[in-house]
């Protein structure tokens, strides 16, 4: 029988059984994670045009806002800015933004994840 409080490690040879030191850490993490209240998140969908001549490759991107000038940017997962939006994304509540380019287009599907 598996103790659900134990954590299993992955190795090149497959899955290894949990170690005593990781078991306590896993149990502590589970207790702390479950002790807080559960938040309800909603997702809003928007479309925005990028202020760029040639569209970046299709895929998922981060959306970041420059606190200095307020411009909204399409960025790589490591926060390298690719292109600014023609119209900024407004963030009235704390939220997480992500975006998806669906092909050779500068039209971005913007996802606003809010708690």
C-alpha atoms as a PDB file:
ATOM      1  CA  UNK A   1       0.000   0.000   0.000  1.00  0.00           C
ATOM      2  CA  UNK A   2       1.285   3.477  -0.883  1.00  0.00           C
ATOM      3  CA  UNK A   3       1.490   6.133   1.805  1.00  0.00           C
ATOM      4  CA  UNK A   4       0.045   9.186   0.031  1.00  0.00           C
ATOM      5  CA  UNK A   5       2.196  11.479   2.198  1.00  0.00           C
ATOM      6  CA  UNK A   6       5.355  10.115   0.620  1.00  0.00           C
ATOM      7  CA  UNK A   7       6.805  11.544  -2.565  1.00  0.00           C
ATOM      8  CA  UNK A   8       8.065   9.317  -5.337  1.00  0.00           C
ATOM      9  CA  UNK A   9      11.188  10.294  -7.253  1.00  0.00           C
ATOM     10  CA  UNK A  10      11.793   9.754 -10.951  1.00  0.00           C
ATOM     11  CA  UNK A  11      15.151   8.484 -12.151  1.00  0.00           C
ATOM     12  CA  UNK A  12      16.470   7.450 -15.525  1.00  0.00           C
ATOM     13  CA  UNK A  13      15.762   3.852 -14.539  1.00  0.00           C
ATOM     14  CA  UNK A  14      12.134   4.538 -13.642  1.00  0.00           C
ATOM     15  CA  UNK A  15      10.345   5.483 -10.451  1.00  0.00           C
ATOM     16  CA  UNK A  16      12.181   5.051  -7.175  1.00  0.00           C
ATOM     17  CA  UNK A  17      10.514   4.536  -3.789  1.00  0.00           C
ATOM     18  CA  UNK A  18      10.225   7.556  -1.494  1.00  0.00           C
ATOM     19  CA  UNK A  19      12.975   8.438   0.941  1.00  0.00           C
ATOM     20  CA  UNK A  20      12.245   9.154   4.604  1.00  0.00           C
ATOM     21  CA  UNK A  21      13.512  12.755   4.311  1.00  0.00           C
ATOM     22  CA  UNK A  22      11.217  13.555   1.360  1.00  0.00           C
ATOM     23  CA  UNK A  23       8.226  11.945   3.037  1.00  0.00           C
ATOM     24  CA  UNK A  24       8.187  14.532   5.838  1.00  0.00           C
ATOM     25  CA  UNK A  25       8.639  17.399   3.361  1.00  0.00           C
ATOM     26  CA  UNK A  26       5.807  16.108   1.195  1.00  0.00           C
ATOM     27  CA  UNK A  27       3.482  15.813   4.167  1.00  0.00           C
ATOM     28  CA  UNK A  28       4.347  19.348   5.322  1.00  0.00           C
ATOM     29  CA  UNK A  29       3.752  20.753   1.821  1.00  0.00           C
ATOM     30  CA  UNK A  30       0.385  18.974   1.543  1.00  0.00           C
ATOM     31  CA  UNK A  31      -0.720  20.278   4.968  1.00  0.00           C
ATOM     32  CA  UNK A  32       0.295  23.866   4.161  1.00  0.00           C
ATOM     33  CA  UNK A  33      -1.239  23.769   0.669  1.00  0.00           C
ATOM     34  CA  UNK A  34      -4.564  22.443   1.920  1.00  0.00           C
ATOM     35  CA  UNK A  35      -4.773  24.696   4.991  1.00  0.00           C
ATOM     36  CA  UNK A  36      -5.653  27.841   3.022  1.00  0.00           C
ATOM     37  CA  UNK A  37      -9.042  28.625   1.568  1.00  0.00           C
ATOM     38  CA  UNK A  38      -9.894  27.553  -1.951  1.00  0.00           C
ATOM     39  CA  UNK A  39     -10.029  30.411  -4.438  1.00  0.00           C
ATOM     40  CA  UNK A  40     -12.378  30.504  -7.382  1.00  0.00           C
ATOM     41  CA  UNK A  41     -10.665  31.616 -10.580  1.00  0.00           C
ATOM     42  CA  UNK A  42     -12.333  32.868 -13.717  1.00  0.00           C
ATOM     43  CA  UNK A  43     -10.900  33.304 -17.194  1.00  0.00           C
ATOM     44  CA  UNK A  44     -11.814  36.174 -19.513  1.00  0.00           C
ATOM     45  CA  UNK A  45     -10.929  36.073 -23.208  1.00  0.00           C
ATOM     46  CA  UNK A  46      -9.904  39.119 -25.239  1.00  0.00           C
ATOM     47  CA  UNK A  47      -8.258  39.778 -28.576  1.00  0.00           C
ATOM     48  CA  UNK A  48      -5.460  42.295 -29.078  1.00  0.00           C
ATOM     49  CA  UNK A  49      -3.334  43.318 -32.042  1.00  0.00           C
ATOM     50  CA  UNK A  50       0.421  43.435 -31.750  1.00  0.00           C
ATOM     51  CA  UNK A  51       2.292  46.533 -32.879  1.00  0.00           C
ATOM     52  CA  UNK A  52       4.694  44.594 -35.128  1.00  0.00           C
ATOM     53  CA  UNK A  53       5.051  44.058 -38.886  1.00  0.00           C
ATOM     54  CA  UNK A  54       5.974  40.342 -38.912  1.00  0.00           C
ATOM     55  CA  UNK A  55       4.106  38.055 -36.520  1.00  0.00           C
ATOM     56  CA  UNK A  56       6.079  35.938 -34.037  1.00  0.00           C
ATOM     57  CA  UNK A  57       5.753  32.124 -34.245  1.00  0.00           C
ATOM     58  CA  UNK A  58       2.480  30.561 -33.100  1.00  0.00           C
ATOM     59  CA  UNK A  59       2.398  29.414 -29.471  1.00  0.00           C
ATOM     60  CA  UNK A  60       1.814  30.409 -25.856  1.00  0.00           C
ATOM     61  CA  UNK A  61       3.386  33.577 -24.462  1.00  0.00           C
ATOM     62  CA  UNK A  62       3.549  35.623 -21.279  1.00  0.00           C
ATOM     63  CA  UNK A  63       1.865  39.019 -21.151  1.00  0.00           C
ATOM     64  CA  UNK A  64       3.684  41.702 -19.155  1.00  0.00           C
ATOM     65  CA  UNK A  65       2.917  45.352 -18.472  1.00  0.00           C
ATOM     66  CA  UNK A  66       5.675  47.941 -18.202  1.00  0.00           C
ATOM     67  CA  UNK A  67       5.035  49.794 -14.952  1.00  0.00           C
ATOM     68  CA  UNK A  68       6.931  52.837 -16.254  1.00  0.00           C
ATOM     69  CA  UNK A  69       4.927  53.674 -19.379  1.00  0.00           C
ATOM     70  CA  UNK A  70       1.963  51.286 -18.977  1.00  0.00           C
ATOM     71  CA  UNK A  71       2.518  49.509 -22.312  1.00  0.00           C
ATOM     72  CA  UNK A  72       1.575  45.834 -22.528  1.00  0.00           C
ATOM     73  CA  UNK A  73       4.059  43.404 -24.111  1.00  0.00           C
ATOM     74  CA  UNK A  74       4.097  39.915 -25.545  1.00  0.00           C
ATOM     75  CA  UNK A  75       7.034  38.085 -23.939  1.00  0.00           C
ATOM     76  CA  UNK A  76       8.748  34.711 -24.012  1.00  0.00           C
ATOM     77  CA  UNK A  77       8.583  32.423 -20.932  1.00  0.00           C
ATOM     78  CA  UNK A  78      11.883  33.961 -19.748  1.00  0.00           C
ATOM     79  CA  UNK A  79      10.376  37.487 -19.988  1.00  0.00           C
ATOM     80  CA  UNK A  80      12.144  38.643 -23.166  1.00  0.00           C
ATOM     81  CA  UNK A  81       9.866  41.207 -24.780  1.00  0.00           C
ATOM     82  CA  UNK A  82       8.863  40.453 -28.364  1.00  0.00           C
ATOM     83  CA  UNK A  83       6.236  43.017 -29.340  1.00  0.00           C
ATOM     84  CA  UNK A  84       4.078  45.697 -27.741  1.00  0.00           C
ATOM     85  CA  UNK A  85       0.287  45.661 -27.984  1.00  0.00           C
ATOM     86  CA  UNK A  86      -1.421  48.361 -30.040  1.00  0.00           C
ATOM     87  CA  UNK A  87      -3.971  48.763 -27.218  1.00  0.00           C
ATOM     88  CA  UNK A  88      -2.920  47.994 -23.604  1.00  0.00           C
ATOM     89  CA  UNK A  89      -4.507  45.235 -21.521  1.00  0.00           C
ATOM     90  CA  UNK A  90      -6.233  46.755 -18.502  1.00  0.00           C
ATOM     91  CA  UNK A  91      -5.790  44.957 -15.172  1.00  0.00           C
ATOM     92  CA  UNK A  92      -8.495  46.170 -12.735  1.00  0.00           C
ATOM     93  CA  UNK A  93      -7.903  43.273 -10.309  1.00  0.00           C
ATOM     94  CA  UNK A  94      -4.847  41.194  -9.542  1.00  0.00           C
ATOM     95  CA  UNK A  95      -4.681  38.661 -12.347  1.00  0.00           C
ATOM     96  CA  UNK A  96      -2.403  36.562 -14.537  1.00  0.00           C
ATOM     97  CA  UNK A  97      -2.253  37.171 -18.274  1.00  0.00           C
ATOM     98  CA  UNK A  98      -1.278  34.682 -20.952  1.00  0.00           C
ATOM     99  CA  UNK A  99      -1.653  34.806 -24.711  1.00  0.00           C
ATOM    100  CA  UNK A 100      -1.762  32.507 -27.705  1.00  0.00           C
ATOM    101  CA  UNK A 101      -0.818  33.296 -31.282  1.00  0.00           C
ATOM    102  CA  UNK A 102      -2.627  30.961 -33.642  1.00  0.00           C
ATOM    103  CA  UNK A 103      -0.530  31.349 -36.778  1.00  0.00           C
ATOM    104  CA  UNK A 104       1.098  33.949 -38.974  1.00  0.00           C
ATOM    105  CA  UNK A 105      -1.039  36.758 -37.579  1.00  0.00           C
ATOM    106  CA  UNK A 106      -0.463  39.651 -35.208  1.00  0.00           C
ATOM    107  CA  UNK A 107      -3.893  38.985 -33.613  1.00  0.00           C
ATOM    108  CA  UNK A 108      -3.395  37.577 -30.127  1.00  0.00           C
ATOM    109  CA  UNK A 109      -5.942  35.678 -28.043  1.00  0.00           C
ATOM    110  CA  UNK A 110      -5.438  37.085 -24.540  1.00  0.00           C
ATOM    111  CA  UNK A 111      -6.472  35.136 -21.431  1.00  0.00           C
ATOM    112  CA  UNK A 112      -7.017  37.026 -18.160  1.00  0.00           C
ATOM    113  CA  UNK A 113      -6.980  34.619 -15.186  1.00  0.00           C
ATOM    114  CA  UNK A 114      -8.530  36.259 -12.090  1.00  0.00           C
ATOM    115  CA  UNK A 115      -9.013  35.155  -8.525  1.00  0.00           C
END
